[in-house]
Amino acid sequence: MGSIDGATGAEGVHVKKILVALAAAGLSLSGVLAASPAAGAPPGAEHAPPAPAPQWTQCEGLPTGVECTKIEVPLDYRRPKGEKIKIAVSRRKATDTAHYQGVILFNPGGPGGSGLAYPAVMQTRLGPTLAAQYDLIGFDPRGVGSSEPSLSCDPHFADPVRPDYVPANITEELAWAQRSRNYAEACGRIYGDLLKNMTTADAANDMDQIRKALGQEQISYVGYSYGTYLGATYATLFPNRVRRLVLDSIVNPSRVWYEANIDQNHAFEGRAKDFFAWIAQYDSTYHLGTTGDEVEKAFYAARAKLKDTPAEGRVGPDEFDDTYLAGGYLKSRWPLLANALSRYLTAGEAAPLLAAYGTYGDSSGDDNTFAVYSAVECSDASWPRDWPRWHRDMWQSYRAAPFLSWGNAWFNAQCAFWPVRTAHEQRIDGRLVKNALFFQDTKDGATPYEGGVEMHRRFPNSRLVVMDGGGNHGLTGRGNACVDDAWKAYLTDGTLPASRPGPDLHCEPFADPVPPARAAAMNATPTQIDDWVPGER
């Protein structure tokens, strides 16, 4: 688009005018330049004293047999004897002591996702024989959930109805930018020094403290979505502590994080178009159009209608976007989402849409996940600190990928104003890791396919299993025999697929879903076993 001085936005606003508007709105870079640096690269948990032996008790709200504890770790690994924070950890102990294989740590992604329930979840996914051979370990990374402190900067930040993600003019755009800056400043006021120690490398050092507290020489690890980046960071910092490493739906380590979010915009656009085309196949059921283009027009007509009159005062255009983003993670959700759209547009019924929002889109009243997401991503890597750059890039992205671009911009814009600046960007290097198994879908919206390829390149002793065109986020443990056989063989005895050029193993995807009425007529069965998605917003 040429130099920044000559760039224009979608509504033809010259960037020099944006700079004037920024100053008038109090969004100049003066506050940004005063940001304090993050603590830099931690020296490693190897230098921190081990936490006391954990005391386990039955976890509140989790199945019998899942125990919980809290482990003290240094706030700042450069000062290992200084201030401590607490990491919440859960465990389901191995029962097959004759075939005991140590511990597996699980992380569901985010950043900001809680992992305490994962010993119970993964016991089912692994199956009783394999699960019995491991201590299954979940944890809430620093700042998350039951760990102490648990971050919250503005619990009502996501309350409905929010201003339209897509700004109609520069005034609306700068109002959203100010909203993002306010959130960043609130986090800085509340948490101060904690924000300097919220990087993925800090969380990886916490994982090694968990290892030591559990009395283990090595750990196995299964990470999903952002959890793949956390696992790769741990493997980079502590390669000799890795026994087995599974990464599923993989972050591109060369695109962290600003570029990764732009990549998401385009990948989710593809998933949205697949959704529209699927609805068009069943026009006799949904009555929204016989082509993907017709359904897409209907979708954006519904969005415009909700902007004028939010459904029940709760679902406006942003809440609508958040709800339908869920369909980009997992295609088994398409029938429910298509029905909600159809009933709203063809019958004027808002109840199915409100129910879908309650299931998939409502994140109001608790910003812990968003606060931790912000604290980690904003301090992990460098972000543009000049709003004209954001303005240019987001409008360019929106023109090609309107489904997510501006919503994703506002999910991350606080990083332009974050009170902590990145002092060290962790480079992922898996050359010393002896074995690893990676899983990636070629049409994944949240973590596009190129991330799996790049991570595979950086871990030369890894194998890459690819699902061709399924579009799902999170592949293992869903009942796909090709995927699960490879996953379980590796965790059972270390067996990896044979090495081949490119992906080492290709797996066929699940079939597309069928509308419930059509499925009943066909005597069909569901094509996927659950609705769980790792790392979902």
Protein backbone atom coordinates (compact mmCIF):
# COMPACT_ATOMS: atom_id res chain seq x y z
CA MET A 1 0.00 0.00 0.00
CA GLY A 2 3.01 2.27 -0.16
CA SER A 3 4.39 4.43 2.63
CA ILE A 4 2.36 5.13 5.72
CA ASP A 5 2.10 8.80 4.79
CA GLY A 6 0.19 7.87 1.68
CA ALA A 7 -1.98 5.09 3.06
CA THR A 8 -5.72 5.44 3.21
CA GLY A 9 -8.41 3.57 5.12
CA ALA A 10 -11.53 1.93 3.75
CA GLU A 11 -13.48 5.13 4.08
CA GLY A 12 -10.76 7.16 2.37
CA VAL A 13 -9.31 8.74 5.51
CA HIS A 14 -5.73 9.86 4.95
CA VAL A 15 -3.30 8.64 7.62
CA LYS A 16 -2.05 12.16 8.34
CA LYS A 17 -5.62 12.99 9.32
CA ILE A 18 -5.60 9.92 11.57
CA LEU A 19 -2.53 11.25 13.36
CA VAL A 20 -4.35 14.51 14.01
CA ALA A 21 -7.39 12.57 15.24
CA LEU A 22 -5.19 10.44 17.48
CA ALA A 23 -3.78 13.49 19.16
CA ALA A 24 -7.23 15.01 19.58
CA ALA A 25 -8.48 11.77 21.14
CA GLY A 26 -5.51 11.50 23.49
CA LEU A 27 -4.23 8.40 21.66
CA SER A 28 -0.79 9.70 20.78
CA LEU A 29 2.22 7.51 21.46
CA SER A 30 3.39 9.44 24.52
CA GLY A 31 1.78 6.99 26.93
CA VAL A 32 3.09 4.05 24.96
CA LEU A 33 6.68 5.25 25.05
CA ALA A 34 6.54 5.30 28.83
CA ALA A 35 5.77 1.59 28.98
CA SER A 36 8.14 -0.44 31.13
CA PRO A 37 10.07 -3.38 29.68
CA ALA A 38 9.19 -6.98 30.39
CA ALA A 39 11.69 -8.83 32.52
CA GLY A 40 13.43 -10.44 29.55
CA ALA A 41 14.44 -14.05 29.07
CA PRO A 42 14.14 -16.04 32.33
CA PRO A 43 17.34 -17.86 33.29
CA GLY A 44 15.41 -21.10 33.75
CA ALA A 45 13.58 -22.90 36.50
CA GLU A 46 16.61 -25.16 36.90
CA HIS A 47 18.09 -22.36 39.03
CA ALA A 48 15.00 -21.93 41.20
CA PRO A 49 14.70 -23.91 44.44
CA PRO A 50 12.11 -26.70 44.27
CA ALA A 51 8.71 -26.11 45.78
CA PRO A 52 7.79 -28.11 48.90
CA ALA A 53 6.21 -31.50 48.30
CA PRO A 54 2.59 -30.83 47.29
CA GLN A 55 -0.30 -31.67 49.59
CA TRP A 56 -3.18 -33.11 47.57
CA THR A 57 -6.90 -32.88 48.30
CA GLN A 58 -10.00 -33.80 46.30
CA CYS A 59 -10.69 -31.06 43.72
CA GLU A 60 -13.86 -29.09 44.29
CA GLY A 61 -16.33 -29.55 41.44
CA LEU A 62 -14.32 -32.27 39.66
CA PRO A 63 -14.90 -36.04 39.56
CA THR A 64 -13.83 -38.21 42.47
CA GLY A 65 -10.20 -39.18 42.12
CA VAL A 66 -9.02 -35.87 40.67
CA GLU A 67 -6.84 -34.22 43.30
CA CYS A 68 -5.73 -30.59 43.52
CA THR A 69 -2.89 -28.64 45.07
CA LYS A 70 -1.10 -25.33 44.67
CA ILE A 71 2.62 -25.03 44.03
CA GLU A 72 4.62 -21.93 44.89
CA VAL A 73 6.85 -20.62 42.11
CA PRO A 74 8.95 -17.45 41.78
CA LEU A 75 7.14 -14.46 40.34
CA ASP A 76 10.40 -13.52 38.60
CA TYR A 77 12.86 -16.30 37.81
CA ARG A 78 15.68 -13.76 37.87
CA ARG A 79 14.94 -13.42 41.57
CA PRO A 80 14.17 -17.03 42.52
CA LYS A 81 14.18 -16.28 46.25
CA GLY A 82 11.93 -13.27 45.88
CA GLU A 83 8.16 -12.91 45.72
CA LYS A 84 6.17 -16.09 45.08
CA ILE A 85 2.92 -16.80 43.27
CA LYS A 86 0.85 -20.01 43.29
CA ILE A 87 0.06 -22.35 40.41
CA ALA A 88 -3.04 -24.53 40.75
CA VAL A 89 -2.36 -28.14 39.72
CA SER A 90 -4.65 -31.16 39.39
CA ARG A 91 -3.85 -34.87 39.16
CA ARG A 92 -5.44 -38.22 38.46
CA LYS A 93 -2.92 -40.82 39.57
CA ALA A 94 -1.93 -43.80 37.47
CA THR A 95 -3.56 -47.06 38.54
CA ASP A 96 -1.49 -49.45 36.40
CA THR A 97 1.71 -49.26 38.41
CA ALA A 98 3.19 -52.24 36.57
CA HIS A 99 3.25 -50.20 33.34
CA TYR A 100 3.77 -46.75 34.88
CA GLN A 101 5.04 -44.18 32.34
CA GLY A 102 5.39 -41.05 34.46
CA VAL A 103 3.35 -37.88 34.08
CA ILE A 104 1.60 -36.13 31.21
CA LEU A 105 0.94 -32.40 31.51
CA PHE A 106 -1.95 -31.01 29.48
CA ASN A 107 -2.67 -27.47 28.32
CA PRO A 108 -5.87 -26.55 26.43
CA GLY A 109 -4.63 -23.29 24.93
CA GLY A 110 -5.76 -19.71 25.12
CA PRO A 111 -3.59 -18.24 26.47
CA GLY A 112 -5.86 -18.04 29.46
CA GLY A 113 -7.48 -21.49 29.36
CA SER A 114 -7.90 -23.44 32.59
CA GLY A 115 -6.49 -26.94 32.64
CA LEU A 116 -7.65 -28.25 36.01
CA ALA A 117 -10.41 -30.40 34.51
CA TYR A 118 -8.07 -32.05 32.03
CA PRO A 119 -7.13 -35.15 34.02
CA ALA A 120 -10.81 -36.16 33.93
CA VAL A 121 -11.27 -35.06 30.31
CA MET A 122 -8.17 -36.82 29.06
CA GLN A 123 -8.85 -40.03 30.95
CA THR A 124 -11.87 -40.46 28.67
CA ARG A 125 -10.02 -39.41 25.52
CA LEU A 126 -7.01 -41.61 26.09
CA GLY A 127 -9.08 -44.62 27.06
CA PRO A 128 -8.82 -46.59 30.31
CA THR A 129 -5.79 -48.72 29.42
CA LEU A 130 -3.47 -45.89 28.37
CA ALA A 131 -4.77 -43.39 30.94
CA ALA A 132 -4.06 -45.86 33.74
CA GLN A 133 -0.33 -45.84 32.89
CA TYR A 134 0.22 -42.12 33.51
CA ASP A 135 -0.34 -39.55 36.20
CA LEU A 136 -2.56 -37.14 34.29
CA ILE A 137 -1.67 -33.57 35.26
CA GLY A 138 -3.67 -30.41 34.62
CA PHE A 139 -2.78 -26.90 35.71
CA ASP A 140 -3.94 -23.31 35.56
CA PRO A 141 -1.01 -21.30 34.15
CA ARG A 142 0.03 -18.20 36.07
CA GLY A 143 -2.80 -15.69 36.29
CA VAL A 144 -5.48 -18.20 35.27
CA GLY A 145 -8.49 -19.41 37.23
CA SER A 146 -7.52 -20.97 40.56
CA SER A 147 -3.88 -19.89 40.41
CA GLU A 148 -2.94 -16.92 42.60
CA PRO A 149 -3.22 -14.14 41.72
CA SER A 150 -6.03 -14.63 39.20
CA LEU A 151 -6.11 -11.73 36.73
CA SER A 152 -9.12 -9.54 36.06
CA CYS A 153 -8.78 -6.02 34.69
CA ASP A 154 -12.39 -5.13 33.79
CA PRO A 155 -14.93 -7.93 34.35
CA HIS A 156 -17.57 -6.09 32.33
CA PHE A 157 -15.41 -5.40 29.28
CA ALA A 158 -17.29 -7.96 27.15
CA ASP A 159 -20.79 -7.21 28.44
CA PRO A 160 -23.38 -6.78 25.70
CA VAL A 161 -24.19 -4.82 23.66
CA ARG A 162 -20.79 -3.50 22.60
CA PRO A 163 -20.04 -0.94 19.89
CA ASP A 164 -19.96 -2.45 16.40
CA TYR A 165 -16.61 -4.08 15.72
CA VAL A 166 -16.62 -2.67 12.19
CA PRO A 167 -16.15 1.11 12.49
CA ALA A 168 -18.35 3.20 10.22
CA ASN A 169 -15.90 6.11 10.38
CA ILE A 170 -12.65 7.22 11.96
CA THR A 171 -14.46 8.51 15.05
CA GLU A 172 -15.85 5.06 15.82
CA GLU A 173 -12.49 3.45 15.13
CA LEU A 174 -10.70 5.76 17.55
CA ALA A 175 -13.40 5.26 20.16
CA TRP A 176 -12.72 1.51 20.06
CA ALA A 177 -8.97 2.20 20.21
CA GLN A 178 -9.55 4.32 23.32
CA ARG A 179 -11.61 1.49 24.83
CA SER A 180 -8.67 -0.85 24.23
CA ARG A 181 -6.23 1.61 25.73
CA ASN A 182 -8.44 1.98 28.81
CA TYR A 183 -8.35 -1.79 29.30
CA ALA A 184 -4.56 -1.90 28.99
CA GLU A 185 -4.15 0.92 31.49
CA ALA A 186 -6.53 -0.78 33.95
CA CYS A 187 -4.39 -3.93 33.83
CA GLY A 188 -1.27 -1.86 34.44
CA ARG A 189 -2.79 -0.06 37.43
CA ILE A 190 -3.96 -3.29 39.08
CA TYR A 191 -1.08 -5.68 38.44
CA GLY A 192 2.10 -3.65 38.01
CA ASP A 193 5.12 -5.94 38.27
CA LEU A 194 3.11 -9.11 37.61
CA LEU A 195 2.63 -8.04 33.99
CA LYS A 196 6.41 -8.00 33.55
CA ASN A 197 6.45 -11.73 34.28
CA MET A 198 3.55 -13.09 32.22
CA THR A 199 5.33 -14.40 29.14
CA THR A 200 5.06 -17.89 27.73
CA ALA A 201 8.64 -18.46 28.87
CA ASP A 202 7.55 -17.68 32.44
CA ALA A 203 4.76 -20.26 32.15
CA ALA A 204 7.22 -22.79 30.73
CA ASN A 205 9.48 -22.25 33.75
CA ASP A 206 6.44 -22.84 35.97
CA MET A 207 5.94 -26.16 34.19
CA ASP A 208 9.44 -27.18 35.16
CA GLN A 209 8.72 -26.25 38.76
CA ILE A 210 5.68 -28.54 38.55
CA ARG A 211 7.95 -31.30 37.23
CA LYS A 212 10.30 -30.89 40.15
CA ALA A 213 7.48 -30.77 42.69
CA LEU A 214 6.15 -34.04 41.27
CA GLY A 215 9.59 -35.66 41.63
CA GLN A 216 9.95 -36.43 37.92
CA GLU A 217 13.11 -36.37 35.81
CA GLN A 218 11.09 -35.87 32.61
CA ILE A 219 7.53 -35.04 31.58
CA SER A 220 5.33 -35.92 28.65
CA TYR A 221 3.17 -33.11 27.35
CA VAL A 222 0.02 -32.72 25.25
CA GLY A 223 -0.80 -29.16 24.19
CA TYR A 224 -3.55 -27.74 22.01
CA SER A 225 -3.73 -24.44 20.15
CA TYR A 226 -1.73 -21.85 22.16
CA GLY A 227 -0.70 -24.83 24.29
CA THR A 228 1.42 -25.92 21.33
CA TYR A 229 3.46 -22.74 21.62
CA LEU A 230 3.78 -23.23 25.37
CA GLY A 231 4.93 -26.82 24.84
CA ALA A 232 7.38 -25.80 22.14
CA THR A 233 8.77 -23.11 24.44
CA TYR A 234 9.21 -25.63 27.24
CA ALA A 235 10.94 -28.03 24.84
CA THR A 236 13.24 -25.23 23.68
CA LEU A 237 14.22 -24.27 27.23
CA PHE A 238 14.33 -27.78 28.71
CA PRO A 239 14.87 -30.27 25.86
CA ASN A 240 16.33 -32.95 28.13
CA ARG A 241 13.25 -32.85 30.34
CA VAL A 242 10.93 -33.86 27.50
CA ARG A 243 9.96 -37.54 27.31
CA ARG A 244 7.13 -37.32 24.75
CA LEU A 245 5.70 -34.21 23.14
CA VAL A 246 2.32 -33.94 21.38
CA LEU A 247 1.28 -30.66 19.75
CA ASP A 248 -2.23 -30.47 18.25
CA SER A 249 -3.42 -27.52 16.10
CA ILE A 250 -0.21 -25.62 16.02
CA VAL A 251 0.76 -21.98 16.42
CA ASN A 252 3.15 -20.72 13.76
CA PRO A 253 6.29 -19.82 15.75
CA SER A 254 7.46 -17.40 13.07
CA ARG A 255 4.25 -15.29 13.24
CA VAL A 256 3.87 -14.56 16.97
CA TRP A 257 1.56 -12.67 17.55
CA TYR A 258 0.44 -9.69 15.44
CA GLU A 259 0.96 -11.46 12.14
CA ALA A 260 -0.60 -14.66 13.48
CA ASN A 261 -3.87 -12.83 14.12
CA ILE A 262 -3.93 -11.44 10.59
CA ASP A 263 -3.35 -14.98 9.32
CA GLN A 264 -6.34 -16.07 11.40
CA ASN A 265 -8.55 -13.51 9.69
CA HIS A 266 -7.97 -15.08 6.30
CA ALA A 267 -8.20 -18.66 7.54
CA PHE A 268 -11.51 -18.04 9.31
CA GLU A 269 -12.82 -16.32 6.20
CA GLY A 270 -12.33 -19.62 4.41
CA ARG A 271 -14.19 -21.46 7.15
CA ALA A 272 -17.06 -18.95 6.98
CA LYS A 273 -17.38 -19.46 3.24
CA ASP A 274 -17.41 -23.22 3.75
CA PHE A 275 -20.23 -22.75 6.27
CA PHE A 276 -22.25 -20.60 3.86
CA ALA A 277 -21.76 -23.13 1.07
CA TRP A 278 -22.87 -25.95 3.37
CA ILE A 279 -26.07 -24.08 4.29
CA ALA A 280 -26.78 -23.55 0.60
CA GLN A 281 -26.74 -27.32 0.08
CA TYR A 282 -29.74 -27.55 2.40
CA ASP A 283 -31.84 -24.64 1.22
CA SER A 284 -34.99 -26.75 1.58
CA THR A 285 -34.20 -26.84 5.31
CA TYR A 286 -32.82 -23.36 5.98
CA HIS A 287 -34.28 -21.20 3.17
CA LEU A 288 -31.32 -18.82 3.13
CA GLY A 289 -30.18 -19.26 -0.48
CA THR A 290 -29.07 -21.87 -2.94
CA THR A 291 -25.51 -20.57 -3.29
CA GLY A 292 -22.85 -19.65 -0.79
CA ASP A 293 -22.97 -16.05 -1.98
CA GLU A 294 -26.72 -15.84 -1.33
CA VAL A 295 -26.31 -17.26 2.16
CA GLU A 296 -23.43 -14.86 2.85
CA LYS A 297 -25.67 -11.93 1.92
CA ALA A 298 -28.33 -13.25 4.26
CA PHE A 299 -25.78 -13.59 7.04
CA TYR A 300 -24.65 -9.97 6.75
CA ALA A 301 -28.27 -8.83 6.44
CA ALA A 302 -28.92 -10.46 9.81
CA ARG A 303 -25.89 -8.70 11.23
CA ALA A 304 -27.15 -5.31 9.97
CA LYS A 305 -30.58 -6.00 11.43
CA LEU A 306 -29.06 -6.76 14.83
CA LYS A 307 -27.04 -3.57 14.70
CA ASP A 308 -30.27 -1.61 14.31
CA THR A 309 -32.16 -3.64 16.91
CA PRO A 310 -30.17 -6.03 19.13
CA ALA A 311 -32.07 -9.22 19.94
CA GLU A 312 -33.55 -8.93 23.44
CA GLY A 313 -31.04 -6.14 24.06
CA ARG A 314 -28.27 -8.75 24.29
CA VAL A 315 -27.19 -9.82 20.81
CA GLY A 316 -25.94 -7.01 18.61
CA PRO A 317 -23.49 -7.28 15.72
CA ASP A 318 -20.46 -8.08 17.88
CA GLU A 319 -22.25 -10.74 19.88
CA PHE A 320 -23.51 -12.19 16.58
CA ASP A 321 -19.94 -12.29 15.23
CA ASP A 322 -18.64 -13.97 18.40
CA THR A 323 -21.38 -16.59 18.23
CA TYR A 324 -20.76 -17.54 14.62
CA LEU A 325 -17.00 -17.59 15.06
CA ALA A 326 -17.64 -20.85 16.93
CA GLY A 327 -18.58 -22.52 13.66
CA GLY A 328 -15.09 -21.81 12.35
CA TYR A 329 -13.60 -24.02 15.05
CA LEU A 330 -15.77 -27.10 14.63
CA LYS A 331 -18.12 -27.95 11.78
CA SER A 332 -20.36 -30.18 13.90
CA ARG A 333 -21.78 -26.89 15.22
CA TRP A 334 -23.06 -25.84 11.81
CA PRO A 335 -26.59 -27.28 12.07
CA LEU A 336 -27.34 -25.44 15.33
CA LEU A 337 -25.90 -22.17 14.03
CA ALA A 338 -27.65 -22.49 10.67
CA ASN A 339 -30.98 -23.14 12.35
CA ALA A 340 -30.57 -20.06 14.58
CA LEU A 341 -29.80 -17.88 11.55
CA SER A 342 -32.71 -19.32 9.58
CA ARG A 343 -35.28 -18.92 12.35
CA TYR A 344 -34.17 -15.33 12.96
CA LEU A 345 -34.38 -14.30 9.31
CA THR A 346 -37.30 -16.37 8.03
CA ALA A 347 -39.57 -16.49 11.08
CA GLY A 348 -38.44 -13.52 13.18
CA GLU A 349 -37.60 -15.83 16.09
CA ALA A 350 -34.71 -14.67 18.24
CA ALA A 351 -34.78 -17.47 20.82
CA PRO A 352 -32.52 -19.92 18.91
CA LEU A 353 -30.05 -17.10 18.25
CA LEU A 354 -30.02 -16.11 21.90
CA ALA A 355 -29.47 -19.74 22.89
CA ALA A 356 -26.57 -20.03 20.45
CA TYR A 357 -25.07 -16.84 21.87
CA GLY A 358 -25.39 -18.21 25.39
CA THR A 359 -23.60 -21.40 24.35
CA TYR A 360 -20.86 -20.01 22.13
CA GLY A 361 -20.59 -16.24 22.24
CA ASP A 362 -21.26 -14.96 25.75
CA SER A 363 -18.08 -14.06 27.64
CA SER A 364 -19.61 -11.31 29.79
CA GLY A 365 -19.11 -10.92 33.51
CA ASP A 366 -15.63 -12.47 33.80
CA ASP A 367 -12.55 -11.31 31.93
CA ASN A 368 -9.99 -13.68 33.48
CA THR A 369 -9.37 -15.50 30.20
CA PHE A 370 -9.16 -12.25 28.26
CA ALA A 371 -6.93 -10.61 30.88
CA VAL A 372 -4.45 -13.50 30.79
CA TYR A 373 -4.64 -13.69 26.99
CA SER A 374 -3.71 -10.02 26.89
CA ALA A 375 -0.99 -10.23 29.50
CA VAL A 376 0.74 -13.11 27.73
CA GLU A 377 0.39 -12.15 24.08
CA CYS A 378 1.05 -8.45 24.59
CA SER A 379 4.32 -9.12 26.43
CA ASP A 380 5.48 -12.20 24.50
CA ALA A 381 6.38 -10.36 21.32
CA SER A 382 6.63 -6.92 19.77
CA TRP A 383 3.40 -5.29 18.59
CA PRO A 384 2.95 -2.18 16.44
CA ARG A 385 2.63 0.83 18.72
CA ASP A 386 1.41 3.25 16.05
CA TRP A 387 -2.31 3.23 15.34
CA PRO A 388 -1.93 4.22 11.67
CA ARG A 389 -0.24 0.84 11.14
CA TRP A 390 -3.22 -0.94 12.71
CA HIS A 391 -5.65 1.19 10.71
CA ARG A 392 -3.94 0.33 7.44
CA ASP A 393 -3.48 -3.38 8.15
CA MET A 394 -6.96 -3.98 9.55
CA TRP A 395 -8.76 -2.29 6.68
CA GLN A 396 -6.59 -4.19 4.22
CA SER A 397 -7.45 -7.43 6.00
CA TYR A 398 -11.14 -6.53 6.20
CA ARG A 399 -11.44 -5.99 2.46
CA ALA A 400 -10.34 -9.58 1.87
CA ALA A 401 -11.70 -11.18 5.04
CA PRO A 402 -14.64 -9.29 6.58
CA PHE A 403 -15.87 -12.18 8.76
CA LEU A 404 -13.30 -11.73 11.54
CA SER A 405 -10.85 -8.92 10.76
CA TRP A 406 -12.21 -6.09 12.89
CA GLY A 407 -13.42 -8.35 15.69
CA ASN A 408 -9.94 -9.83 15.88
CA ALA A 409 -8.42 -6.36 15.79
CA TRP A 410 -10.33 -5.33 18.91
CA PHE A 411 -9.56 -8.63 20.61
CA ASN A 412 -5.89 -7.64 20.37
CA ALA A 413 -5.76 -3.84 20.16
CA GLN A 414 -4.92 -3.47 23.86
CA CYS A 415 -1.45 -4.70 22.88
CA ALA A 416 -0.86 -1.41 21.05
CA PHE A 417 -1.10 0.34 24.43
CA TRP A 418 0.14 -2.36 26.77
CA PRO A 419 2.09 -0.99 29.77
CA VAL A 420 4.82 -3.62 29.39
CA ARG A 421 7.07 -3.73 26.36
CA THR A 422 8.72 -6.90 25.12
CA ALA A 423 12.34 -7.26 26.19
CA HIS A 424 12.98 -10.71 24.73
CA GLU A 425 11.22 -12.73 22.05
CA GLN A 426 11.65 -16.44 22.56
CA ARG A 427 12.90 -18.28 19.49
CA ILE A 428 11.53 -21.80 19.18
CA ASP A 429 14.24 -24.37 18.50
CA GLY A 430 13.47 -28.08 18.77
CA ARG A 431 16.70 -29.51 17.40
CA LEU A 432 17.62 -31.11 20.74
CA VAL A 433 14.23 -32.77 21.26
CA LYS A 434 14.55 -36.48 20.50
CA ASN A 435 10.98 -37.18 19.41
CA ALA A 436 7.64 -35.38 18.98
CA LEU A 437 4.29 -35.92 17.28
CA PHE A 438 2.34 -33.05 15.71
CA PHE A 439 -1.24 -32.87 14.41
CA GLN A 440 -2.63 -30.25 12.04
CA ASP A 441 -5.73 -29.75 9.89
CA THR A 442 -5.15 -28.17 6.49
CA LYS A 443 -8.20 -25.89 6.91
CA ASP A 444 -7.84 -24.97 10.58
CA GLY A 445 -9.07 -21.40 11.11
CA ALA A 446 -7.55 -20.64 14.52
CA THR A 447 -4.08 -22.05 13.83
CA PRO A 448 -3.61 -22.13 10.06
CA TYR A 449 -1.89 -25.07 8.39
CA GLU A 450 1.41 -23.26 7.78
CA GLY A 451 2.02 -23.25 11.54
CA GLY A 452 2.16 -27.02 11.67
CA VAL A 453 4.57 -27.12 8.75
CA GLU A 454 6.87 -24.52 10.31
CA MET A 455 6.87 -26.18 13.75
CA HIS A 456 7.61 -29.53 12.10
CA ARG A 457 10.59 -27.91 10.36
CA ARG A 458 11.93 -26.57 13.65
CA PHE A 459 11.67 -29.98 15.34
CA PRO A 460 13.61 -32.23 12.93
CA ASN A 461 12.90 -35.38 14.97
CA SER A 462 9.13 -34.78 14.89
CA ARG A 463 6.43 -36.37 12.76
CA LEU A 464 3.52 -34.40 11.30
CA VAL A 465 0.06 -35.96 10.99
CA VAL A 466 -2.25 -33.97 8.73
CA MET A 467 -6.03 -34.11 8.44
CA ASP A 468 -6.88 -33.06 4.92
CA GLY A 469 -9.62 -30.44 4.73
CA GLY A 470 -11.59 -31.19 7.89
CA GLY A 471 -11.41 -27.63 9.17
CA ASN A 472 -11.51 -28.63 12.83
CA HIS A 473 -9.41 -27.19 15.64
CA GLY A 474 -8.22 -29.94 17.96
CA LEU A 475 -7.93 -33.36 16.30
CA THR A 476 -6.85 -35.95 18.86
CA GLY A 477 -9.34 -37.84 20.97
CA ARG A 478 -12.34 -37.16 18.74
CA GLY A 479 -12.78 -40.66 17.42
CA ASN A 480 -10.95 -40.39 14.08
CA ALA A 481 -9.21 -43.77 13.92
CA CYS A 482 -6.28 -42.58 11.80
CA VAL A 483 -5.49 -39.70 14.16
CA ASP A 484 -6.16 -41.52 17.42
CA ASP A 485 -4.23 -44.64 16.47
CA ALA A 486 -1.12 -42.53 15.82
CA TRP A 487 -1.64 -40.51 19.02
CA LYS A 488 -2.14 -43.51 21.27
CA ALA A 489 0.67 -45.55 19.73
CA TYR A 490 3.11 -42.74 20.45
CA LEU A 491 1.96 -42.27 24.04
CA THR A 492 1.92 -46.04 24.61
CA ASP A 493 5.45 -46.91 23.54
CA GLY A 494 6.92 -43.98 21.57
CA THR A 495 6.02 -45.36 18.13
CA LEU A 496 5.99 -42.64 15.47
CA PRO A 497 4.68 -42.74 11.90
CA ALA A 498 7.31 -43.46 9.29
CA SER A 499 9.18 -40.36 8.13
CA ARG A 500 8.20 -39.08 4.69
CA PRO A 501 8.79 -35.86 2.74
CA GLY A 502 6.25 -33.24 3.82
CA PRO A 503 3.55 -34.55 6.17
CA ASP A 504 4.40 -37.99 7.48
CA LEU A 505 0.81 -39.25 7.66
CA HIS A 506 -2.41 -38.07 5.97
CA CYS A 507 -5.78 -38.72 7.63
CA GLU A 508 -9.23 -38.41 6.08
CA PRO A 509 -11.48 -35.84 7.79
CA PHE A 510 -14.84 -36.40 9.41
CA ALA A 511 -17.76 -36.10 7.02
CA ASP A 512 -19.63 -32.80 6.98
CA PRO A 513 -22.62 -32.70 9.33
CA VAL A 514 -26.20 -33.24 8.18
CA PRO A 515 -29.17 -31.15 9.36
CA PRO A 516 -31.04 -33.03 12.13
CA ALA A 517 -34.23 -33.52 10.12
CA ARG A 518 -32.27 -34.85 7.14
CA ALA A 519 -30.14 -37.03 9.41
CA ALA A 520 -33.27 -38.61 10.89
CA ALA A 521 -34.63 -39.33 7.44
CA MET A 522 -31.31 -40.93 6.45
CA ASN A 523 -31.01 -42.82 9.76
CA ALA A 524 -27.62 -41.12 10.06
CA THR A 525 -25.43 -40.95 13.15
CA PRO A 526 -23.40 -37.97 14.41
CA THR A 527 -20.05 -37.61 12.68
CA GLN A 528 -18.17 -36.27 15.73
CA ILE A 529 -18.13 -37.29 19.34
CA ASP A 530 -18.27 -33.96 21.18
CA ASP A 531 -18.39 -30.19 21.03
CA TRP A 532 -15.16 -29.48 22.90
CA VAL A 533 -12.65 -27.13 21.26
CA PRO A 534 -9.23 -26.27 22.72
CA GLY A 535 -8.07 -22.68 22.99
CA GLU A 536 -11.42 -21.25 21.94
CA ARG A 537 -12.32 -17.67 22.76
